[in-house]
Amino acid sequence: MKKLVAAVLTGVLVAGTLSTGVYAKDDDKTITVAASATPHAEILEEAKPLLEKEGYDLEVTVFDDYVRPNEVVESGEFDANYFQHIPYLEQFNEEKGTHLVNAGGIHYEPFGIYPGTKDSLDDLADGDSIAVPNDTTNEARALLLLQDNGIITLKDGAGLNATVKDIEENPHNVEIVELEAAQVARVTGETAYVVLNGNYALEAGFSVAKDALAYEQADSEAAKTYVNIIAVKEGNENSDKIKALVDVLKSDEIKDFINENYDGAVIPYDDSEDTEDAADSKDADSAEETAETTEAAEDAE
C-alpha cells in the first residue's frame, strides 16, 4: 500500500504546491481530475495508460481536503473530481450553492463487522456488546449492517438516518457502544465485536477480505448510497471525455486492479443491477400502459 501511495505522489501534482493560476487545459483530449490520495488517485494513475489508448491525457492532482476539489470543478479549473459519495455532494451543493452532479459510481468502501473478544457471529450471546461509530452517517451504516445480519431490527423507514433510538427489536439484548469512529478499533479487547469502515479496519491491521465476519454487499442500501463517484459540473456529465473517464474506471482492468490491491477495503461498484431494475420497472410500466390502452379500446367498443 505504501508503495502505491509513493508511486502516486511522484506522478501527480500535490494540491499544496499548486499556484492559483493553474487551470484545466482547454484541449478536449486532456482530462483534469482532483482526487484524494488513497485510493482515488492510485486508481486514476492505473487508468492513465488505458485512457491514453483512447486518445486522452489524464492529469491527476491530489488534494488533502474535501472542499477545494469541489470548488475547482465548480469554477471550471478541473474537469472532474473523485473523492466523495453522493450524500456529501448533495449537502455541498445545498450549502455552497454549487452545481455538481454524479457522472458515474466507481467504488465503495464497505463497513464490516470485525472480531472483538469473539471471532464468529455464531457465538453472539445475550448481553454482548458491539462497538459502532457515533457520527450520524457511520452509525446508521453500522446499524443497517447489524440488521442485515439478523442481530437487530430497525424501525421501518429508519434507513440511513438510523440511530440506536430506532432499534425496534433486539433479541439478544446486545449493548451498542457508541464511540468516535477512530476509537472503535481500540476496544476489540473489551467488546464482542466492532463495526468499522474500510480505512479504519486497515489501520487496525484487519484484512477486510480475511477478517471481516460480515460486510456491506454491493446491493445494500448503504453501498448504493455511499458509492464514491466521479463528480462534474452540471452539463458536463455527457461530454465525450467524461464518458471515456467513467468507462475506463468501470472497466474490467480497473476492477481487477482494485480487487488485487485493496484487500477488500475498496470494492468496485457494479450498477448493472440498478440498470436492470430500472429496465424491468420500465418494461412493467410499458406493459401496464399497453394493458390499460387495450382495455380502454375494448370499453370504447
Protein backbone atom coordinates (compact mmCIF):
# COMPACT_ATOMS: atom_id res chain seq x y z
CA MET A 1 0.00 0.00 0.00
CA LYS A 2 2.83 2.45 0.90
CA LYS A 3 4.46 1.76 -2.46
CA LEU A 4 1.21 2.55 -4.21
CA VAL A 5 0.88 5.89 -2.41
CA ALA A 6 4.51 6.77 -3.10
CA ALA A 7 4.09 5.98 -6.78
CA VAL A 8 1.03 8.20 -6.97
CA LEU A 9 2.57 11.15 -5.18
CA THR A 10 5.58 11.15 -7.51
CA GLY A 11 3.35 11.13 -10.57
CA VAL A 12 0.89 13.91 -9.73
CA LEU A 13 0.79 17.49 -8.57
CA VAL A 14 0.08 17.81 -4.87
CA ALA A 15 -2.61 20.37 -4.06
CA GLY A 16 -0.42 22.30 -1.66
CA THR A 17 2.06 23.11 -4.44
CA LEU A 18 -0.48 24.40 -6.94
CA SER A 19 -0.46 28.10 -7.73
CA THR A 20 -3.79 29.88 -8.07
CA GLY A 21 -3.05 30.38 -11.76
CA VAL A 22 -3.29 26.69 -12.66
CA TYR A 23 -6.39 25.94 -14.70
CA ALA A 24 -7.67 22.97 -16.64
CA LYS A 25 -6.48 22.80 -20.22
CA ASP A 26 -8.93 23.70 -22.94
CA ASP A 27 -7.73 20.75 -25.00
CA ASP A 28 -10.64 18.30 -25.22
CA LYS A 29 -8.14 15.45 -25.12
CA THR A 30 -6.87 16.42 -21.65
CA ILE A 31 -8.86 15.34 -18.59
CA THR A 32 -8.02 17.08 -15.32
CA VAL A 33 -9.18 15.39 -12.12
CA ALA A 34 -8.90 16.46 -8.48
CA ALA A 35 -8.66 13.47 -6.14
CA SER A 36 -7.89 12.18 -2.67
CA ALA A 37 -4.60 10.28 -2.47
CA THR A 38 -5.89 6.86 -1.40
CA PRO A 39 -7.43 5.04 -3.13
CA HIS A 40 -8.75 7.56 -5.64
CA ALA A 41 -5.52 8.96 -7.11
CA GLU A 42 -3.99 5.49 -7.14
CA ILE A 43 -6.89 4.16 -9.18
CA LEU A 44 -6.67 7.13 -11.55
CA GLU A 45 -2.96 6.51 -12.08
CA GLU A 46 -3.80 2.97 -13.15
CA ALA A 47 -6.35 4.39 -15.58
CA LYS A 48 -3.87 6.69 -17.33
CA PRO A 49 -2.48 4.21 -19.90
CA LEU A 50 -5.99 2.93 -20.63
CA LEU A 51 -7.18 6.45 -21.37
CA GLU A 52 -4.05 7.08 -23.42
CA LYS A 53 -5.17 4.29 -25.74
CA GLU A 54 -8.44 6.18 -26.14
CA GLY A 55 -6.53 9.35 -27.05
CA TYR A 56 -6.84 11.15 -23.71
CA ASP A 57 -4.19 12.60 -21.41
CA LEU A 58 -5.26 12.22 -17.77
CA GLU A 59 -3.83 14.74 -15.30
CA VAL A 60 -4.39 13.93 -11.62
CA THR A 61 -3.96 16.41 -8.77
CA VAL A 62 -4.02 15.22 -5.16
CA PHE A 63 -5.93 17.30 -2.62
CA ASP A 64 -5.85 16.70 1.11
CA ASP A 65 -9.21 18.29 1.93
CA TYR A 66 -12.84 17.79 0.91
CA VAL A 67 -13.71 21.38 -0.07
CA ARG A 68 -11.23 22.54 -2.71
CA PRO A 69 -11.82 19.55 -5.04
CA ASN A 70 -15.44 20.65 -5.41
CA GLU A 71 -14.56 24.33 -5.71
CA VAL A 72 -12.12 23.78 -8.57
CA VAL A 73 -14.66 21.70 -10.51
CA GLU A 74 -17.37 24.30 -9.98
CA SER A 75 -15.03 27.06 -11.18
CA GLY A 76 -14.01 25.12 -14.27
CA GLU A 77 -10.36 24.78 -13.24
CA PHE A 78 -10.76 20.99 -13.30
CA ASP A 79 -12.97 18.72 -15.38
CA ALA A 80 -13.91 16.36 -12.54
CA ASN A 81 -13.12 15.14 -9.07
CA TYR A 82 -13.01 11.71 -7.46
CA PHE A 83 -13.17 11.58 -3.67
CA GLN A 84 -16.76 11.79 -2.47
CA HIS A 85 -20.08 10.00 -2.23
CA ILE A 86 -23.47 11.32 -3.30
CA PRO A 87 -24.80 12.48 0.12
CA TYR A 88 -21.70 14.64 0.59
CA LEU A 89 -22.05 16.09 -2.91
CA GLU A 90 -25.72 16.91 -2.35
CA GLN A 91 -25.00 18.52 1.02
CA PHE A 92 -22.15 20.54 -0.51
CA ASN A 93 -24.38 21.78 -3.33
CA GLU A 94 -27.05 22.82 -0.86
CA GLU A 95 -24.67 24.63 1.48
CA LYS A 96 -22.38 26.23 -1.11
CA GLY A 97 -24.79 26.81 -4.00
CA THR A 98 -22.66 24.76 -6.37
CA HIS A 99 -23.92 22.80 -9.37
CA LEU A 100 -22.10 19.47 -9.20
CA VAL A 101 -23.56 16.19 -10.42
CA ASN A 102 -22.73 12.50 -10.37
CA ALA A 103 -21.20 11.28 -13.64
CA GLY A 104 -20.73 7.68 -12.51
CA GLY A 105 -20.26 5.46 -9.45
CA ILE A 106 -16.83 3.77 -9.29
CA HIS A 107 -16.24 2.05 -5.95
CA TYR A 108 -17.44 1.76 -2.37
CA GLU A 109 -15.57 1.20 0.85
CA PRO A 110 -17.59 -1.32 2.83
CA PHE A 111 -18.37 -1.32 6.51
CA GLY A 112 -17.60 -4.62 8.17
CA ILE A 113 -18.25 -6.42 11.44
CA TYR A 114 -14.90 -7.50 12.92
CA PRO A 115 -13.89 -9.75 15.80
CA GLY A 116 -13.54 -8.33 19.27
CA THR A 117 -13.47 -10.83 22.09
CA LYS A 118 -15.39 -13.22 19.81
CA ASP A 119 -14.37 -14.32 16.34
CA SER A 120 -17.66 -15.65 14.97
CA LEU A 121 -21.15 -14.18 14.79
CA ASP A 122 -22.42 -17.64 15.65
CA ASP A 123 -21.05 -17.06 19.15
CA LEU A 124 -23.24 -13.99 19.76
CA ALA A 125 -24.83 -14.26 23.21
CA ASP A 126 -27.32 -12.28 25.27
CA GLY A 127 -25.83 -9.08 26.61
CA ASP A 128 -22.84 -8.97 24.28
CA SER A 129 -21.53 -5.51 23.40
CA ILE A 130 -20.85 -4.22 19.88
CA ALA A 131 -18.91 -1.00 19.26
CA VAL A 132 -20.06 1.31 16.45
CA PRO A 133 -19.10 4.81 15.25
CA ASN A 134 -21.21 7.55 16.83
CA ASP A 135 -21.45 10.05 13.95
CA THR A 136 -24.77 10.14 12.13
CA THR A 137 -23.76 8.66 8.77
CA ASN A 138 -21.45 5.95 10.04
CA GLU A 139 -23.69 4.88 12.90
CA ALA A 140 -26.60 4.36 10.52
CA ARG A 141 -24.44 2.23 8.22
CA ALA A 142 -23.25 0.17 11.18
CA LEU A 143 -26.78 -0.40 12.45
CA LEU A 144 -28.03 -1.36 8.98
CA LEU A 145 -25.21 -3.89 8.72
CA LEU A 146 -26.16 -5.37 12.10
CA GLN A 147 -29.75 -5.56 10.89
CA ASP A 148 -28.70 -7.25 7.62
CA ASN A 149 -27.05 -9.93 9.74
CA GLY A 150 -30.07 -10.54 11.96
CA ILE A 151 -28.63 -9.01 15.12
CA ILE A 152 -31.16 -6.17 15.49
CA THR A 153 -34.24 -4.87 13.68
CA LEU A 154 -34.71 -1.18 13.00
CA LYS A 155 -37.98 0.73 12.75
CA ASP A 156 -39.46 0.92 9.27
CA GLY A 157 -38.09 3.89 7.38
CA ALA A 158 -35.11 4.48 9.68
CA GLY A 159 -32.72 3.79 6.81
CA LEU A 160 -29.63 5.93 6.52
CA ASN A 161 -30.74 8.21 9.35
CA ALA A 162 -30.95 5.38 11.87
CA THR A 163 -29.70 5.80 15.44
CA VAL A 164 -29.80 3.48 18.42
CA LYS A 165 -33.20 5.02 19.24
CA ASP A 166 -34.54 3.37 16.08
CA ILE A 167 -33.78 -0.17 17.25
CA GLU A 168 -37.16 -1.88 17.40
CA GLU A 169 -36.11 -5.45 18.13
CA ASN A 170 -33.00 -6.57 19.99
CA PRO A 171 -33.49 -10.31 20.62
CA HIS A 172 -30.01 -10.78 22.09
CA ASN A 173 -30.17 -7.60 24.20
CA VAL A 174 -26.86 -6.51 22.71
CA GLU A 175 -25.33 -3.34 24.09
CA ILE A 176 -24.46 -0.87 21.34
CA VAL A 177 -21.34 1.02 22.40
CA GLU A 178 -21.14 4.34 20.57
CA LEU A 179 -17.63 5.74 20.06
CA GLU A 180 -15.88 8.27 17.87
CA ALA A 181 -15.07 6.44 14.62
CA ALA A 182 -11.29 6.44 15.13
CA GLN A 183 -11.69 4.91 18.60
CA VAL A 184 -13.84 1.90 17.68
CA ALA A 185 -10.95 -0.34 16.65
CA ARG A 186 -9.28 0.26 20.02
CA VAL A 187 -11.92 -1.62 22.03
CA THR A 188 -11.56 -5.03 20.39
CA GLY A 189 -10.41 -6.41 23.73
CA GLU A 190 -13.47 -5.05 25.53
CA THR A 191 -16.40 -5.66 23.18
CA ALA A 192 -17.59 -8.83 21.47
CA TYR A 193 -17.47 -7.21 18.01
CA VAL A 194 -16.62 -3.88 16.39
CA VAL A 195 -18.08 -2.31 13.25
CA LEU A 196 -15.53 -0.45 11.13
CA ASN A 197 -15.27 1.17 7.73
CA GLY A 198 -12.52 0.06 5.37
CA ASN A 199 -9.80 2.57 6.15
CA TYR A 200 -10.05 2.17 9.94
CA ALA A 201 -10.07 -1.60 9.51
CA LEU A 202 -6.82 -1.43 7.56
CA GLU A 203 -5.26 0.93 10.10
CA ALA A 204 -6.17 -1.55 12.84
CA GLY A 205 -4.38 -4.32 10.98
CA PHE A 206 -7.50 -6.13 9.83
CA SER A 207 -7.68 -7.71 6.41
CA VAL A 208 -11.12 -6.78 5.14
CA ALA A 209 -11.26 -9.83 2.90
CA LYS A 210 -9.99 -12.28 5.52
CA ASP A 211 -11.07 -10.87 8.88
CA ALA A 212 -14.48 -9.29 8.34
CA LEU A 213 -17.22 -11.52 9.76
CA ALA A 214 -19.72 -9.72 7.51
CA TYR A 215 -19.63 -6.63 5.33
CA GLU A 216 -21.86 -4.43 3.19
CA GLN A 217 -22.79 -6.02 -0.11
CA ALA A 218 -22.85 -4.16 -3.41
CA ASP A 219 -26.66 -4.30 -3.49
CA SER A 220 -27.06 -2.96 0.05
CA GLU A 221 -28.75 0.39 0.62
CA ALA A 222 -25.54 1.80 2.12
CA ALA A 223 -23.28 0.68 -0.74
CA LYS A 224 -25.60 2.19 -3.33
CA THR A 225 -25.83 5.42 -1.36
CA TYR A 226 -22.18 5.83 -0.40
CA VAL A 227 -20.60 4.74 -3.66
CA ASN A 228 -17.65 7.01 -4.50
CA ILE A 229 -18.32 8.90 -7.70
CA ILE A 230 -16.82 10.97 -10.47
CA ALA A 231 -18.33 14.42 -9.94
CA VAL A 232 -18.50 17.13 -12.62
CA LYS A 233 -20.18 20.46 -13.09
CA GLU A 234 -23.75 20.10 -14.29
CA GLY A 235 -23.87 19.98 -18.08
CA ASN A 236 -20.54 18.21 -18.47
CA GLU A 237 -21.64 14.73 -17.43
CA ASN A 238 -22.32 13.66 -21.02
CA SER A 239 -19.16 15.08 -22.59
CA ASP A 240 -17.02 12.62 -24.52
CA LYS A 241 -14.05 13.00 -22.17
CA ILE A 242 -16.08 12.37 -19.00
CA LYS A 243 -17.81 9.36 -20.57
CA ALA A 244 -14.39 7.99 -21.53
CA LEU A 245 -13.08 8.54 -17.99
CA VAL A 246 -16.04 6.80 -16.35
CA ASP A 247 -16.00 3.92 -18.84
CA VAL A 248 -12.31 3.24 -18.16
CA LEU A 249 -12.77 3.45 -14.37
CA LYS A 250 -15.58 0.90 -14.64
CA SER A 251 -13.58 -1.38 -16.94
CA ASP A 252 -12.52 -4.92 -16.06
CA GLU A 253 -8.88 -3.79 -15.92
CA ILE A 254 -9.58 -1.25 -13.19
CA LYS A 255 -11.89 -3.62 -11.32
CA ASP A 256 -9.07 -6.19 -11.30
CA PHE A 257 -6.61 -3.57 -10.03
CA ILE A 258 -8.93 -2.62 -7.17
CA ASN A 259 -9.61 -6.23 -6.21
CA GLU A 260 -5.93 -7.15 -6.28
CA ASN A 261 -4.60 -4.17 -4.31
CA TYR A 262 -7.02 -3.21 -1.56
CA ASP A 263 -7.74 -6.45 0.23
CA GLY A 264 -11.50 -5.88 0.18
CA ALA A 265 -11.26 -2.39 1.72
CA VAL A 266 -12.24 -0.97 -1.68
CA ILE A 267 -14.74 -2.79 -3.87
CA PRO A 268 -15.68 -1.94 -7.49
CA TYR A 269 -19.24 -0.70 -7.68
CA ASP A 270 -21.41 -2.60 -10.13
CA ASP A 271 -24.51 -0.62 -11.04
CA SER A 272 -25.72 -3.14 -13.63
CA GLU A 273 -28.30 -4.41 -11.15
CA ASP A 274 -29.70 -0.90 -10.76
CA THR A 275 -29.86 -0.60 -14.55
CA GLU A 276 -31.62 -3.95 -14.84
CA ASP A 277 -34.08 -2.99 -12.10
CA ALA A 278 -34.81 0.27 -13.88
CA ALA A 279 -35.27 -1.55 -17.18
CA ASP A 280 -37.58 -4.11 -15.55
CA SER A 281 -39.58 -1.31 -13.99
CA LYS A 282 -39.81 0.49 -17.34
CA ASP A 283 -40.92 -2.72 -19.08
CA ALA A 284 -43.53 -3.30 -16.38
CA ASP A 285 -44.83 0.26 -16.74
CA SER A 286 -44.95 -0.14 -20.52
CA ALA A 287 -46.85 -3.42 -20.23
CA GLU A 288 -49.30 -1.84 -17.80
CA GLU A 289 -49.87 1.12 -20.13
CA THR A 290 -50.47 -1.27 -23.06
CA ALA A 291 -52.98 -3.25 -21.00
CA GLU A 292 -54.78 -0.05 -19.99
CA THR A 293 -54.88 1.14 -23.61
CA THR A 294 -56.29 -2.20 -24.77
CA GLU A 295 -58.88 -2.19 -22.02
CA ALA A 296 -59.90 1.36 -22.88
CA ALA A 297 -60.26 0.43 -26.56
CA GLU A 298 -62.43 -2.54 -25.64
CA ASP A 299 -64.58 -0.34 -23.39
CA ALA A 300 -64.98 2.16 -26.25
CA GLU A 301 -66.26 -0.61 -28.46
